[in-house]
Amino acid sequence: MRGATSAKWVVGAVIVAMAATACGTGSDDAKSGGGNITVQLGEPQHGLVGQNTAESEGAEVLNAVFTALVSYDNKTNEPQLAAAESITTTDSKTWTIKVKDGFTFHNGEKLDAQSFVRAWNWGANQENAAEGMPFFSKIEGSDELAPGKDKKPTAKELKGLKIVDEMTFTVTLKEPFSQFKTMLGYNAFYPLPKAFEADPKAFGENPIGNGPFQMDGAWEHNKQIKVKRYDKYPAEGRAKLAGVTFKIYDNLDTAYNDLRADSIQITDKLPVSAMASVSQEFGDRYIYKPESGVGYIGMPIAQNPEAFGKVEIRKAISMAIDRDAITKTIFNNTRKPADDFVSPIIPGYRKGALGEAGTYNPTKAKELFTQAGGVPGNKIELGYNADGGHKEWIEAVANQLKTNLGVEVTAKPFTKFGEMLDDLGASKYKGAFRMGWVMDYPAMENYLRPIFSKVAIENGSNYGHYVNEEFETLLDKADKSADAAEGQKLYQQADDILVKDLPYIPVFTYMSSSAYSKTVKNVEVDAQGRMDLAKVELN
């Protein structure tokens, strides 16, 4: 996972010639069948397999096609049972999971305990190079399936997974982890049907899930992904719409103009250009609420130590950024200045945790920058993906650094988010870079280990190759804590290490900025920035 490693990296600045597919007209005939709508999407990075998806665009589709063991309450972010009948433990180390009867995959296969064991064994095996692999590292036997670089797995299955009966399995962890149930809503823990084994690559183009929608033909790259209602889904939670087309855009302004023309019906990623007027134009059809995303400037500490290796340089850059100006001027107050490495909606967040490093002070920033010797050639490159509406705020940061530090800053656009992730993962790009993170599950740990731990280097999501042994020790202690309150304190201490070292620079926290047309209702966007399409109806 590019996250935990993996969590979902955010393509768009707001969370992140094709034939238009219009929605139903709202007539009685359309309503009787549910009707069809079109929504905005960016091109997913690669195949649509839950264990191998670590970015927001693929996760959006998977959220419609799969149902996890747990979902999250849209108000409290607490886990609630979904495909699980029960999840129990007496010691936070051995967990018993009973799968709810009545779910089937879209090819008719019954959802059972083996569906999850199969999927998790595949995801945990390093030979499959799944981005979600580190999520399974807490389960007994994961070291045998993922022994590390230049080593071969010595097992084919996680010994910590045991089938009890058709609908029940147990999970034994290496150490107690009280947040394990909370993790299970993340897409790395989605089930897989037996049909997956025949051709995993082909499956990623046309996945067979157990969710309220099924694929309606294969993924048409850079054009669209179509899904239709799965009528054998359990009655509670069955989709209201007959179908949804995810229309793929590489320009958020184009998507927004299509929304205004009702060529699409929902977008959960609005361009910067819409921020000043979207509330007035869409009224109560504009969704504005805090979500889990945090926007960062990443630092290639290990790949470019001459430029970014000194913490004084990183702190100077942080203090030279006027977060208030960016959130007010660029985002029209639809972002909030970041003051911690985690989102304010997450338990454990502390207001003002960044302290001096997060306080705009151009005078001191320049002093620090000069005393630390500046950067080679007095030049900084700042990369961003052009398909996510980041140009304006990245250029604003570049201008602030130029003015406040006296350094030449070049904003470098990458055509696609996946292109930037690939170049960062391969260490081909060594400039600073924009990055955004949306939680996989609502826990402080999910903002720390997926992005900044050593295991995240191995799996391609610690793009700065940051390493701090004290940070690792605190994470391990927090993970193993049987007491949730004590574990929270240890995660906060690990967060303090990040504040001291500044491997990334938190710039803003995301607000959910979504909008929808008059032709639809019951539109909700969760804290992970995903649309709950099963609830949507035509007016």
Protein backbone atom coordinates (compact mmCIF):
# COMPACT_ATOMS: atom_id res chain seq x y z
CA MET A 1 0.00 0.00 0.00
CA ARG A 2 1.18 3.28 -0.53
CA GLY A 3 0.11 3.33 2.72
CA ALA A 4 0.71 1.51 5.83
CA THR A 5 1.34 1.55 4.20
CA SER A 6 -0.94 2.52 2.13
CA ALA A 7 -3.57 4.80 2.50
CA LYS A 8 -5.13 6.67 -0.14
CA TRP A 9 -3.01 9.34 -1.70
CA VAL A 10 -5.27 12.12 -2.90
CA VAL A 11 -5.22 13.13 -6.53
CA GLY A 12 -7.43 16.21 -6.22
CA ALA A 13 -6.88 19.57 -4.63
CA VAL A 14 -10.21 19.19 -3.01
CA ILE A 15 -10.34 16.21 -1.10
CA VAL A 16 -8.56 14.92 -6.08
CA ALA A 17 -13.24 14.04 -25.91
CA MET A 18 -15.62 11.66 -24.18
CA ALA A 19 -19.22 10.96 -24.88
CA ALA A 20 -21.29 12.47 -22.10
CA THR A 21 -23.68 10.07 -20.40
CA ALA A 22 -26.69 12.02 -19.23
CA CYS A 23 -28.65 11.02 -16.18
CA GLY A 24 -32.25 9.91 -16.13
CA THR A 25 -34.78 12.64 -16.55
CA GLY A 26 -36.52 12.09 -13.24
CA SER A 27 -39.62 10.72 -14.99
CA ASP A 28 -41.71 7.99 -13.40
CA ASP A 29 -40.19 5.46 -15.82
CA ALA A 30 -36.67 6.47 -14.83
CA LYS A 31 -37.52 6.35 -11.13
CA SER A 32 -39.14 2.92 -11.36
CA GLY A 33 -35.88 1.45 -12.58
CA GLY A 34 -33.73 3.76 -10.49
CA GLY A 35 -32.32 5.70 -13.40
CA ASN A 36 -28.70 6.34 -14.32
CA ILE A 37 -26.32 9.13 -13.40
CA THR A 38 -22.79 10.19 -14.26
CA VAL A 39 -20.19 11.30 -11.73
CA GLN A 40 -16.69 12.73 -11.93
CA LEU A 41 -13.57 10.59 -11.50
CA GLY A 42 -9.85 10.83 -12.18
CA GLU A 43 -8.06 7.96 -13.92
CA PRO A 44 -7.17 5.32 -11.29
CA GLN A 45 -3.48 4.49 -11.00
CA HIS A 46 -3.77 0.80 -11.87
CA GLY A 47 -5.97 -2.31 -11.67
CA LEU A 48 -9.06 -2.22 -9.46
CA VAL A 49 -8.08 -4.74 -6.78
CA GLY A 50 -8.66 -3.69 -3.18
CA GLN A 51 -5.36 -5.09 -1.93
CA ASN A 52 -3.48 -3.12 -4.58
CA THR A 53 -5.26 0.24 -4.47
CA ALA A 54 -3.73 3.09 -2.50
CA GLU A 55 -5.18 6.18 -4.14
CA SER A 56 -8.51 7.92 -3.99
CA GLU A 57 -9.73 7.39 -7.57
CA GLY A 58 -9.54 3.62 -7.60
CA ALA A 59 -10.93 3.52 -4.06
CA GLU A 60 -13.98 5.50 -5.21
CA VAL A 61 -14.94 2.78 -7.68
CA LEU A 62 -14.10 -0.06 -5.31
CA ASN A 63 -16.33 1.51 -2.66
CA ALA A 64 -19.28 0.99 -4.98
CA VAL A 65 -18.31 -2.50 -6.11
CA PHE A 66 -17.27 -4.04 -2.77
CA THR A 67 -18.63 -4.21 0.77
CA ALA A 68 -16.11 -4.50 3.60
CA LEU A 69 -16.46 -6.29 6.91
CA VAL A 70 -17.08 -2.91 8.54
CA SER A 71 -18.13 0.52 7.38
CA TYR A 72 -17.83 3.82 9.22
CA ASP A 73 -20.56 5.95 10.71
CA ASN A 74 -20.78 9.10 8.60
CA LYS A 75 -20.97 11.34 11.69
CA THR A 76 -18.75 9.70 14.31
CA ASN A 77 -16.34 7.69 12.10
CA GLU A 78 -16.87 4.76 14.46
CA PRO A 79 -16.73 1.30 12.81
CA GLN A 80 -20.04 -0.49 12.31
CA LEU A 81 -20.67 -4.00 11.03
CA ALA A 82 -21.27 -4.35 7.30
CA ALA A 83 -20.39 -7.72 5.71
CA ALA A 84 -19.50 -9.03 9.18
CA GLU A 85 -22.07 -10.56 11.46
CA SER A 86 -19.71 -10.13 14.40
CA ILE A 87 -16.08 -9.26 15.21
CA THR A 88 -14.99 -10.25 18.71
CA THR A 89 -11.86 -10.57 20.81
CA THR A 90 -10.94 -11.04 24.45
CA ASP A 91 -7.32 -9.91 24.25
CA SER A 92 -7.00 -7.71 21.10
CA LYS A 93 -4.63 -10.36 19.72
CA THR A 94 -6.91 -13.15 18.55
CA TRP A 95 -10.02 -12.00 16.74
CA THR A 96 -13.03 -14.07 15.66
CA ILE A 97 -14.84 -12.84 12.56
CA LYS A 98 -18.20 -14.22 11.49
CA VAL A 99 -19.27 -13.28 7.95
CA LYS A 100 -22.88 -12.21 7.50
CA ASP A 101 -24.98 -14.67 5.50
CA GLY A 102 -26.77 -13.43 2.39
CA PHE A 103 -23.93 -11.73 0.48
CA THR A 104 -22.77 -13.07 -2.87
CA PHE A 105 -20.21 -11.96 -5.38
CA HIS A 106 -21.49 -10.60 -8.66
CA ASN A 107 -20.72 -13.91 -10.41
CA GLY A 108 -22.93 -15.79 -7.95
CA GLU A 109 -20.18 -17.10 -5.65
CA LYS A 110 -21.18 -17.05 -2.01
CA LEU A 111 -19.34 -14.63 0.27
CA ASP A 112 -17.82 -16.72 3.03
CA ALA A 113 -14.83 -16.88 5.36
CA GLN A 114 -12.59 -18.20 2.58
CA SER A 115 -13.36 -15.08 0.50
CA PHE A 116 -11.46 -12.98 3.03
CA VAL A 117 -8.72 -15.49 3.80
CA ARG A 118 -8.03 -15.85 0.07
CA ALA A 119 -7.80 -12.10 -0.42
CA TRP A 120 -5.62 -11.42 2.61
CA ASN A 121 -3.18 -14.22 1.76
CA TRP A 122 -2.77 -12.78 -1.72
CA GLY A 123 -2.32 -9.25 -0.44
CA ALA A 124 0.23 -10.33 2.18
CA ASN A 125 2.47 -12.20 -0.28
CA GLN A 126 5.30 -9.94 -1.42
CA GLU A 127 5.55 -11.75 -4.77
CA ASN A 128 2.27 -10.08 -5.70
CA ALA A 129 3.72 -6.64 -4.89
CA ALA A 130 0.37 -5.41 -3.59
CA GLU A 131 0.41 -1.86 -2.31
CA GLY A 132 -1.72 -2.94 0.64
CA MET A 133 0.77 -5.58 1.75
CA PRO A 134 1.96 -3.76 4.91
CA PHE A 135 -1.58 -3.77 6.31
CA PHE A 136 -1.18 -7.51 6.83
CA SER A 137 2.13 -7.16 8.67
CA LYS A 138 0.38 -7.36 12.04
CA ILE A 139 -0.92 -10.88 11.34
CA GLU A 140 1.06 -13.94 12.43
CA GLY A 141 2.98 -15.41 9.50
CA SER A 142 3.32 -12.17 7.56
CA ASP A 143 7.12 -12.31 7.81
CA GLU A 144 7.11 -15.67 6.03
CA LEU A 145 5.03 -14.26 3.17
CA ALA A 146 6.92 -10.96 3.06
CA PRO A 147 10.50 -11.64 4.25
CA GLY A 148 11.87 -8.56 2.51
CA LYS A 149 13.98 -7.56 -0.45
CA ASP A 150 16.12 -10.28 -2.08
CA LYS A 151 14.33 -12.98 -0.09
CA LYS A 152 11.67 -15.46 -1.13
CA PRO A 153 8.48 -16.22 0.79
CA THR A 154 8.71 -19.45 2.79
CA ALA A 155 4.96 -19.91 3.07
CA LYS A 156 1.89 -19.49 0.91
CA GLU A 157 -0.62 -18.60 3.60
CA LEU A 158 -0.74 -16.50 6.75
CA LYS A 159 -0.57 -18.88 9.67
CA GLY A 160 -2.56 -16.35 11.69
CA LEU A 161 -5.64 -16.96 9.54
CA LYS A 162 -7.72 -20.03 10.40
CA ILE A 163 -11.04 -21.14 8.91
CA VAL A 164 -13.40 -22.24 11.71
CA ASP A 165 -16.42 -23.01 9.56
CA GLU A 166 -17.92 -21.81 6.29
CA MET A 167 -18.75 -18.36 7.64
CA THR A 168 -16.23 -17.95 10.47
CA PHE A 169 -12.48 -17.40 10.63
CA THR A 170 -10.00 -16.29 13.26
CA VAL A 171 -7.16 -13.81 12.95
CA THR A 172 -4.20 -14.06 15.29
CA LEU A 173 -1.97 -11.01 15.41
CA LYS A 174 1.69 -10.93 16.39
CA GLU A 175 0.88 -8.51 19.18
CA PRO A 176 -2.33 -7.04 20.60
CA PHE A 177 -3.70 -4.23 18.44
CA SER A 178 -6.85 -2.64 19.76
CA GLN A 179 -7.60 -0.81 16.49
CA PHE A 180 -7.71 -3.94 14.34
CA LYS A 181 -11.50 -3.89 13.97
CA THR A 182 -11.29 -0.25 12.84
CA MET A 183 -8.78 -1.22 10.13
CA LEU A 184 -11.15 -3.71 8.53
CA GLY A 185 -13.12 -1.09 6.61
CA TYR A 186 -10.09 -0.28 4.46
CA ASN A 187 -10.08 -1.67 0.94
CA ALA A 188 -6.97 -3.84 1.50
CA PHE A 189 -9.26 -6.08 3.57
CA TYR A 190 -11.93 -6.47 0.89
CA PRO A 191 -12.80 -10.07 -0.07
CA LEU A 192 -11.96 -11.72 -3.38
CA PRO A 193 -13.89 -14.46 -5.21
CA LYS A 194 -12.25 -17.67 -6.36
CA ALA A 195 -12.53 -16.31 -9.91
CA PHE A 196 -9.81 -13.78 -9.04
CA GLU A 197 -7.17 -16.51 -8.97
CA ALA A 198 -7.53 -17.34 -12.66
CA ASP A 199 -6.22 -13.97 -13.88
CA PRO A 200 -5.60 -11.22 -11.30
CA LYS A 201 -4.57 -8.71 -13.95
CA ALA A 202 -7.74 -9.19 -15.99
CA PHE A 203 -9.75 -9.04 -12.76
CA GLY A 204 -8.38 -5.54 -12.12
CA GLU A 205 -9.89 -4.36 -15.40
CA ASN A 206 -13.30 -5.83 -14.61
CA PRO A 207 -13.49 -6.65 -10.89
CA ILE A 208 -16.09 -9.00 -9.41
CA GLY A 209 -17.14 -7.60 -6.06
CA ASN A 210 -19.77 -8.18 -3.40
CA GLY A 211 -21.04 -4.60 -3.24
CA PRO A 212 -24.25 -2.81 -4.20
CA PHE A 213 -22.99 -2.15 -7.73
CA GLN A 214 -21.37 -4.51 -10.24
CA MET A 215 -19.22 -3.64 -13.21
CA ASP A 216 -21.10 -2.92 -16.42
CA GLY A 217 -18.37 -3.81 -18.88
CA ALA A 218 -14.63 -3.42 -18.48
CA TRP A 219 -12.85 -0.21 -17.49
CA GLU A 220 -12.47 2.08 -20.51
CA HIS A 221 -9.19 3.78 -19.68
CA ASN A 222 -9.12 7.56 -19.65
CA LYS A 223 -12.79 7.55 -20.62
CA GLN A 224 -15.17 5.90 -18.17
CA ILE A 225 -15.98 3.09 -15.76
CA LYS A 226 -19.59 1.96 -15.72
CA VAL A 227 -21.38 0.09 -12.93
CA LYS A 228 -24.93 -1.14 -12.55
CA ARG A 229 -27.07 -2.11 -9.59
CA TYR A 230 -26.53 -5.63 -8.24
CA ASP A 231 -30.09 -6.80 -7.64
CA LYS A 232 -29.03 -9.78 -5.48
CA TYR A 233 -27.40 -7.51 -2.92
CA PRO A 234 -29.10 -7.73 0.51
CA ALA A 235 -32.25 -5.63 0.56
CA GLU A 236 -30.88 -3.37 3.28
CA GLY A 237 -28.31 -1.30 1.45
CA ARG A 238 -29.35 -2.20 -2.08
CA ALA A 239 -28.62 0.58 -4.55
CA LYS A 240 -31.48 2.85 -5.56
CA LEU A 241 -30.00 3.79 -8.93
CA ALA A 242 -29.92 1.43 -11.89
CA GLY A 243 -26.44 2.49 -12.85
CA VAL A 244 -23.60 4.96 -12.48
CA THR A 245 -21.00 6.06 -15.00
CA PHE A 246 -17.70 7.28 -13.57
CA LYS A 247 -16.61 9.70 -16.27
CA ILE A 248 -12.85 10.19 -16.21
CA TYR A 249 -11.53 13.75 -16.34
CA ASP A 250 -8.03 15.14 -16.35
CA ASN A 251 -9.28 18.68 -15.75
CA LEU A 252 -11.49 19.61 -12.80
CA ASP A 253 -12.74 22.81 -14.45
CA THR A 254 -14.12 20.74 -17.32
CA ALA A 255 -15.85 18.42 -14.86
CA TYR A 256 -17.35 21.36 -12.97
CA ASN A 257 -18.67 22.95 -16.16
CA ASP A 258 -20.26 19.62 -17.05
CA LEU A 259 -21.88 19.53 -13.62
CA ARG A 260 -23.32 23.00 -14.15
CA ALA A 261 -24.73 21.81 -17.47
CA ASP A 262 -26.08 18.62 -15.81
CA SER A 263 -23.95 16.45 -18.12
CA ILE A 264 -22.73 14.89 -14.90
CA GLN A 265 -24.67 14.84 -11.65
CA ILE A 266 -22.06 14.69 -8.86
CA THR A 267 -18.48 15.76 -8.36
CA ASP A 268 -16.63 15.33 -5.09
CA LYS A 269 -13.64 17.26 -6.40
CA LEU A 270 -14.18 20.91 -7.20
CA PRO A 271 -11.66 23.11 -8.99
CA VAL A 272 -10.14 26.12 -7.27
CA SER A 273 -11.95 28.35 -9.78
CA ALA A 274 -15.33 27.23 -8.38
CA MET A 275 -14.66 28.09 -4.75
CA ALA A 276 -15.79 31.71 -4.80
CA SER A 277 -19.23 31.01 -6.26
CA VAL A 278 -20.13 27.35 -5.74
CA SER A 279 -22.00 27.94 -2.47
CA GLN A 280 -24.20 30.63 -3.97
CA GLU A 281 -24.82 28.69 -7.18
CA PHE A 282 -25.59 25.29 -5.65
CA GLY A 283 -26.99 26.25 -2.25
CA ASP A 284 -27.78 23.18 -0.15
CA ARG A 285 -26.50 20.99 -3.00
CA TYR A 286 -22.99 22.12 -2.07
CA ILE A 287 -21.47 19.84 0.59
CA TYR A 288 -18.92 21.52 2.81
CA LYS A 289 -17.66 19.68 5.87
CA PRO A 290 -14.36 18.57 7.40
CA GLU A 291 -12.88 15.40 6.00
CA SER A 292 -9.83 13.33 6.71
CA GLY A 293 -7.41 14.65 4.11
CA VAL A 294 -4.24 16.58 4.89
CA GLY A 295 -2.28 18.44 2.21
CA TYR A 296 1.51 18.33 2.55
CA ILE A 297 4.67 19.46 0.87
CA GLY A 298 6.88 16.38 0.82
CA MET A 299 10.66 16.42 1.21
CA PRO A 300 12.99 13.90 -0.50
CA ILE A 301 15.27 13.77 2.52
CA ALA A 302 17.26 10.67 1.61
CA GLN A 303 17.20 11.11 -2.18
CA ASN A 304 18.34 14.74 -2.12
CA PRO A 305 20.08 15.35 1.23
CA GLU A 306 22.10 18.26 -0.14
CA ALA A 307 18.91 20.26 -0.58
CA PHE A 308 16.52 18.86 2.03
CA GLY A 309 18.60 16.87 4.49
CA LYS A 310 18.81 19.59 7.15
CA VAL A 311 15.82 20.02 9.42
CA GLU A 312 16.58 23.76 9.59
CA ILE A 313 15.96 24.03 5.83
CA ARG A 314 12.68 22.14 6.13
CA LYS A 315 11.58 24.27 9.07
CA ALA A 316 12.50 27.45 7.19
CA ILE A 317 10.37 26.34 4.25
CA SER A 318 7.48 25.58 6.60
CA MET A 319 7.67 28.95 8.34
CA ALA A 320 7.89 30.75 4.99
CA ILE A 321 4.49 29.39 3.92
CA ASP A 322 1.53 31.64 4.71
CA ARG A 323 -1.12 29.00 5.29
CA ASP A 324 -3.82 31.55 6.09
CA ALA A 325 -3.28 33.37 2.80
CA ILE A 326 -3.39 30.14 0.80
CA THR A 327 -6.56 28.84 2.43
CA LYS A 328 -8.34 32.20 2.17
CA THR A 329 -7.09 33.49 -1.17
CA ILE A 330 -6.63 30.30 -3.19
CA PHE A 331 -9.25 28.08 -1.59
CA ASN A 332 -11.72 30.76 -0.58
CA ASN A 333 -11.81 29.39 2.98
CA THR A 334 -12.63 25.87 1.81
CA ARG A 335 -9.43 24.61 3.46
CA LYS A 336 -8.15 25.13 6.95
CA PRO A 337 -4.50 25.84 7.82
CA ALA A 338 -2.85 22.63 9.04
CA ASP A 339 -1.46 22.66 12.56
CA ASP A 340 -0.73 18.94 13.03
CA PHE A 341 0.27 15.94 10.93
CA VAL A 342 -3.18 14.40 11.40
CA SER A 343 -6.66 15.58 10.54
CA PRO A 344 -8.73 17.45 13.14
CA ILE A 345 -11.51 14.86 12.82
CA ILE A 346 -9.25 12.08 14.12
CA PRO A 347 -9.13 11.18 17.84
CA GLY A 348 -5.73 12.25 19.15
CA TYR A 349 -5.42 15.39 17.03
CA ARG A 350 -4.03 18.36 19.00
CA LYS A 351 -4.74 21.91 17.98
CA GLY A 352 -1.52 23.83 17.38
CA ALA A 353 0.71 20.74 17.56
CA LEU A 354 3.05 22.11 14.85
CA GLY A 355 3.93 25.02 17.09
CA GLU A 356 6.56 27.41 15.73
CA ALA A 357 7.12 25.33 12.59
CA GLY A 358 3.52 25.89 11.56
CA THR A 359 3.51 29.61 12.32
CA TYR A 360 4.12 32.02 9.47
CA ASN A 361 7.31 33.97 10.26
CA PRO A 362 9.15 35.01 7.09
CA THR A 363 11.87 36.89 8.99
CA LYS A 364 12.90 33.92 11.11
CA ALA A 365 12.44 31.60 8.15
CA LYS A 366 15.00 33.57 6.14
CA GLU A 367 17.41 33.59 9.09
CA LEU A 368 17.15 29.81 9.49
CA PHE A 369 17.50 29.24 5.77
CA THR A 370 20.60 31.42 5.53
CA GLN A 371 22.25 29.99 8.66
CA ALA A 372 21.72 26.45 7.34
CA GLY A 373 23.50 27.33 4.11
CA GLY A 374 20.49 27.37 1.80
CA VAL A 375 20.06 24.88 -1.04
CA PRO A 376 22.40 24.01 -3.93
CA GLY A 377 22.24 26.59 -6.69
CA ASN A 378 19.68 28.48 -4.61
CA LYS A 379 16.99 26.56 -6.51
CA ILE A 380 14.04 24.43 -5.42
CA GLU A 381 11.74 22.43 -7.67
CA LEU A 382 8.20 21.80 -6.44
CA GLY A 383 6.35 18.98 -8.19
CA TYR A 384 2.59 18.52 -8.40
CA ASN A 385 0.07 16.59 -10.45
CA ALA A 386 -1.72 18.78 -12.97
CA ASP A 387 -4.84 16.57 -13.06
CA GLY A 388 -5.92 17.47 -9.54
CA GLY A 389 -6.41 21.23 -9.44
CA HIS A 390 -3.14 21.97 -7.61
CA LYS A 391 -1.55 24.50 -9.92
CA GLU A 392 -2.79 27.62 -8.13
CA TRP A 393 -1.81 26.72 -4.58
CA ILE A 394 1.52 25.21 -5.54
CA GLU A 395 2.41 28.33 -7.50
CA ALA A 396 1.36 30.40 -4.50
CA VAL A 397 3.72 28.40 -2.27
CA ALA A 398 6.47 28.81 -4.86
CA ASN A 399 5.99 32.58 -4.88
CA GLN A 400 6.00 32.74 -1.07
CA LEU A 401 9.25 30.78 -0.87
CA LYS A 402 10.80 32.98 -3.54
CA THR A 403 9.77 36.16 -1.73
CA ASN A 404 10.50 35.04 1.84
CA LEU A 405 13.61 32.93 1.36
CA GLY A 406 15.12 34.58 -1.70
CA VAL A 407 15.27 31.24 -3.50
CA GLU A 408 14.34 30.43 -7.10
CA VAL A 409 11.40 28.02 -7.10
CA THR A 410 10.09 26.19 -10.14
CA ALA A 411 6.65 24.58 -10.04
CA LYS A 412 6.89 21.33 -12.03
CA PRO A 413 3.62 19.80 -13.26
CA PHE A 414 3.18 16.06 -13.83
CA THR A 415 0.43 15.20 -16.28
CA LYS A 416 -1.13 12.49 -14.10
CA PHE A 417 -1.11 11.75 -10.39
CA GLY A 418 -0.03 8.18 -11.08
CA GLU A 419 2.91 9.46 -13.13
CA MET A 420 4.11 11.52 -10.19
CA LEU A 421 3.65 8.63 -7.75
CA ASP A 422 5.57 6.30 -10.05
CA ASP A 423 8.50 8.73 -10.40
CA LEU A 424 8.56 9.34 -6.66
CA GLY A 425 8.38 5.63 -5.91
CA ALA A 426 11.30 4.95 -8.26
CA SER A 427 13.29 7.91 -6.82
CA LYS A 428 13.45 9.44 -10.30
CA TYR A 429 12.13 12.76 -9.05
CA LYS A 430 14.17 14.47 -6.34
CA GLY A 431 12.43 17.80 -5.92
CA ALA A 432 9.95 18.72 -3.22
CA PHE A 433 6.40 17.60 -4.03
CA ARG A 434 2.78 18.11 -3.10
CA MET A 435 1.04 15.23 -1.44
CA GLY A 436 -2.33 14.61 0.11
CA TRP A 437 -3.42 11.82 2.41
CA VAL A 438 -6.93 10.52 3.12
CA MET A 439 -7.29 8.07 5.97
CA ASP A 440 -7.74 4.39 5.31
CA TYR A 441 -9.47 4.06 8.66
CA PRO A 442 -10.18 6.64 11.39
CA ALA A 443 -7.16 6.27 13.67
CA MET A 444 -4.15 8.45 14.41
CA GLU A 445 -1.85 5.53 13.62
CA ASN A 446 -3.04 5.64 10.02
CA TYR A 447 -1.43 9.06 9.52
CA LEU A 448 1.90 7.98 10.96
CA ARG A 449 2.95 4.50 9.91
CA PRO A 450 1.69 4.57 6.29
CA ILE A 451 3.63 7.70 5.36
CA PHE A 452 6.64 7.94 7.63
CA SER A 453 7.68 4.45 8.82
CA LYS A 454 10.48 2.26 7.51
CA VAL A 455 8.03 -0.33 6.22
CA ALA A 456 6.48 2.42 4.09
CA ILE A 457 9.84 2.87 2.33
CA GLU A 458 9.80 -0.78 1.29
CA ASN A 459 6.29 -0.46 -0.08
CA GLY A 460 6.60 2.84 -1.86
CA SER A 461 4.64 5.29 0.25
CA ASN A 462 7.36 6.92 2.36
CA TYR A 463 8.48 9.02 -0.58
CA GLY A 464 11.06 10.99 1.38
CA HIS A 465 12.64 7.80 2.79
CA TYR A 466 12.43 9.31 6.26
CA VAL A 467 13.76 7.13 9.09
CA ASN A 468 13.77 7.84 12.82
CA GLU A 469 14.29 4.92 15.21
CA GLU A 470 12.66 6.72 18.14
CA PHE A 471 9.58 7.26 15.98
CA GLU A 472 9.55 3.54 15.06
CA THR A 473 9.84 2.51 18.71
CA LEU A 474 6.96 4.72 19.77
CA LEU A 475 4.76 3.40 16.97
CA ASP A 476 5.48 -0.17 18.01
CA LYS A 477 4.72 0.56 21.67
CA ALA A 478 1.49 2.33 20.73
CA ASP A 479 0.42 -0.55 18.47
CA LYS A 480 0.93 -3.08 21.24
CA SER A 481 -0.76 -1.12 23.97
CA ALA A 482 -3.78 -2.95 25.33
CA ASP A 483 -5.11 0.30 26.74
CA ALA A 484 -6.55 2.59 24.08
CA ALA A 485 -5.91 5.80 26.04
CA GLU A 486 -2.27 4.87 26.68
CA GLY A 487 -1.83 3.94 23.04
CA GLN A 488 -3.20 7.33 22.01
CA LYS A 489 -0.60 9.10 24.17
CA LEU A 490 2.19 7.08 22.53
CA TYR A 491 0.91 7.92 19.03
CA GLN A 492 0.94 11.58 20.04
CA GLN A 493 4.56 11.24 21.15
CA ALA A 494 5.37 9.74 17.76
CA ASP A 495 3.59 12.68 16.17
CA ASP A 496 5.82 14.99 18.22
CA ILE A 497 8.86 13.38 16.57
CA LEU A 498 7.43 14.30 13.17
CA VAL A 499 6.87 17.87 14.33
CA LYS A 500 10.52 18.05 15.37
CA ASP A 501 11.87 16.44 12.17
CA LEU A 502 9.38 17.78 9.58
CA PRO A 503 9.82 15.03 6.97
CA TYR A 504 6.74 16.56 5.31
CA ILE A 505 5.27 20.00 5.82
CA PRO A 506 1.53 20.03 6.60
CA VAL A 507 -0.04 22.96 4.75
CA PHE A 508 -3.83 22.57 4.97
CA THR A 509 -6.53 20.16 6.02
CA TYR A 510 -9.24 19.24 3.58
CA MET A 511 -12.84 20.20 3.75
CA SER A 512 -15.29 18.13 1.77
CA SER A 513 -16.17 20.33 -1.19
CA SER A 514 -18.67 18.52 -3.36
CA ALA A 515 -21.66 19.52 -5.40
CA TYR A 516 -24.51 17.83 -7.18
CA SER A 517 -27.25 18.71 -9.63
CA LYS A 518 -30.95 19.22 -9.01
CA THR A 519 -31.71 15.87 -10.61
CA VAL A 520 -30.37 13.81 -7.69
CA LYS A 521 -30.90 13.62 -3.92
CA ASN A 522 -29.54 11.81 -0.85
CA VAL A 523 -25.96 12.59 -1.84
CA GLU A 524 -23.42 11.93 0.91
CA VAL A 525 -19.62 12.05 0.92
CA ASP A 526 -17.79 10.27 3.74
CA ALA A 527 -14.72 11.41 5.69
CA GLN A 528 -12.53 9.58 3.19
CA GLY A 529 -13.93 11.66 0.34
CA ARG A 530 -15.94 8.81 -1.17
CA MET A 531 -19.47 9.10 -2.53
CA ASP A 532 -22.08 6.79 -1.00
CA LEU A 533 -23.64 6.04 -4.34
CA ALA A 534 -25.95 3.28 -3.07
CA LYS A 535 -28.08 5.91 -1.29
CA VAL A 536 -28.38 8.32 -4.22
CA GLU A 537 -31.74 8.65 -5.96
CA LEU A 538 -33.15 10.66 -8.83
CA ASN A 539 -35.50 13.48 -7.94
